[in-house]
Amino acid sequence: MQAIGGKWKTALLWQLHLRPYRFAELRRLLPGISEKVLTQQLRQMETDGLISRHAYEEVPPRVEYSITPLGLSLNDAVTAMSAWGKQHENWKDRQQAA
């Protein structure tokens, strides 16, 4: 759970399972995330082996982030947790109404 803890890691995993993205693209896809937090989350996920960072030797410099096989396997678990959450999202309301 620590590998995907926090507000943004699951959203980042979800986006990166679609295709590699550059930093600015990820920032646009996740409104509300600051540059600092995005940088921290990406670094932690790279350290945990969930994503990889590829720096191209170009001018201007270009960096892309992509999901690793380990990250893809974790995405299956996140999908299952998401389905559980959607199935039970109104549980508290139903309990209060009863």
Protein backbone atom coordinates (compact mmCIF):
# COMPACT_ATOMS: atom_id res chain seq x y z
CA MET A 1 0.00 0.00 0.00
CA GLN A 2 2.92 2.35 0.64
CA ALA A 3 3.95 2.11 -3.02
CA ILE A 4 0.61 3.58 -4.12
CA GLY A 5 -0.21 5.61 -1.02
CA GLY A 6 -1.04 9.24 -1.41
CA LYS A 7 -3.45 11.17 -3.52
CA TRP A 8 -1.72 11.01 -6.90
CA LYS A 9 0.13 7.73 -7.35
CA THR A 10 -2.84 5.67 -8.49
CA ALA A 11 -3.85 8.38 -10.96
CA LEU A 12 -0.28 8.49 -12.29
CA LEU A 13 -0.20 4.71 -12.66
CA TRP A 14 -3.50 4.78 -14.49
CA GLN A 15 -2.31 7.43 -16.96
CA LEU A 16 1.06 5.78 -17.55
CA HIS A 17 -0.46 2.39 -18.31
CA LEU A 18 -1.92 3.96 -21.47
CA ARG A 19 1.38 5.25 -22.90
CA PRO A 20 4.58 7.09 -21.91
CA TYR A 21 4.13 10.74 -20.96
CA ARG A 22 6.32 13.77 -20.51
CA PHE A 23 6.26 15.71 -17.25
CA ALA A 24 4.20 18.63 -18.60
CA GLU A 25 1.66 16.24 -20.13
CA LEU A 26 1.17 14.50 -16.79
CA ARG A 27 0.74 17.85 -15.08
CA ARG A 28 -2.01 18.80 -17.54
CA LEU A 29 -3.74 15.43 -17.11
CA LEU A 30 -3.86 15.83 -13.32
CA PRO A 31 -5.35 19.24 -12.54
CA GLY A 32 -4.55 20.34 -9.02
CA ILE A 33 -1.17 18.64 -8.70
CA SER A 34 1.77 20.96 -8.11
CA GLU A 35 5.13 20.61 -9.85
CA LYS A 36 6.77 19.81 -6.53
CA VAL A 37 4.32 17.03 -5.65
CA LEU A 38 4.41 15.56 -9.16
CA THR A 39 8.21 15.47 -9.03
CA GLN A 40 8.16 13.81 -5.60
CA GLN A 41 5.59 11.22 -6.62
CA LEU A 42 7.41 10.35 -9.85
CA ARG A 43 10.73 9.99 -8.02
CA GLN A 44 9.20 7.73 -5.36
CA MET A 45 7.50 5.58 -7.97
CA GLU A 46 10.75 5.31 -9.94
CA THR A 47 12.61 4.29 -6.76
CA ASP A 48 9.93 1.67 -6.08
CA GLY A 49 10.35 0.29 -9.62
CA LEU A 50 6.81 1.14 -10.72
CA ILE A 51 7.80 3.55 -13.48
CA SER A 52 10.90 4.29 -15.49
CA ARG A 53 12.33 7.62 -16.54
CA HIS A 54 13.99 7.95 -19.91
CA ALA A 55 16.02 11.09 -20.65
CA TYR A 56 16.70 11.71 -24.33
CA GLU A 57 19.93 13.48 -25.21
CA GLU A 58 18.36 16.23 -27.27
CA VAL A 59 18.20 19.98 -27.26
CA PRO A 60 15.91 20.93 -25.65
CA PRO A 61 16.10 18.01 -23.21
CA ARG A 62 13.19 15.57 -23.28
CA VAL A 63 12.21 13.16 -20.50
CA GLU A 64 9.46 10.54 -20.68
CA TYR A 65 7.97 8.43 -17.93
CA SER A 66 6.57 4.98 -18.60
CA ILE A 67 5.15 2.16 -16.56
CA THR A 68 7.28 -0.90 -15.79
CA PRO A 69 6.07 -4.51 -15.73
CA LEU A 70 5.94 -4.24 -11.93
CA GLY A 71 3.77 -1.14 -12.23
CA LEU A 72 1.49 -2.90 -14.69
CA SER A 73 1.02 -5.79 -12.28
CA LEU A 74 0.14 -3.32 -9.53
CA ASN A 75 -2.34 -1.65 -11.87
CA ASP A 76 -4.38 -4.88 -11.83
CA ALA A 77 -4.68 -4.58 -8.04
CA VAL A 78 -5.59 -0.89 -8.28
CA THR A 79 -8.30 -1.72 -10.84
CA ALA A 80 -9.77 -4.30 -8.46
CA MET A 81 -9.72 -1.78 -5.58
CA SER A 82 -11.38 0.81 -7.80
CA ALA A 83 -14.15 -1.62 -8.72
CA TRP A 84 -14.68 -2.40 -5.03
CA GLY A 85 -14.85 1.31 -4.22
CA LYS A 86 -17.39 1.99 -6.95
CA GLN A 87 -19.49 -0.93 -5.80
CA HIS A 88 -19.53 0.33 -2.22
CA GLU A 89 -19.34 4.11 -2.73
CA ASN A 90 -22.83 4.70 -1.33
CA TRP A 91 -22.46 2.26 1.55
CA LYS A 92 -22.25 4.97 4.21
CA ASP A 93 -25.34 6.74 2.83
CA ARG A 94 -27.28 3.46 2.82
CA GLN A 95 -26.25 2.79 6.43
CA GLN A 96 -27.38 6.24 7.58
CA ALA A 97 -30.71 5.88 5.74
CA ALA A 98 -31.44 2.51 7.37
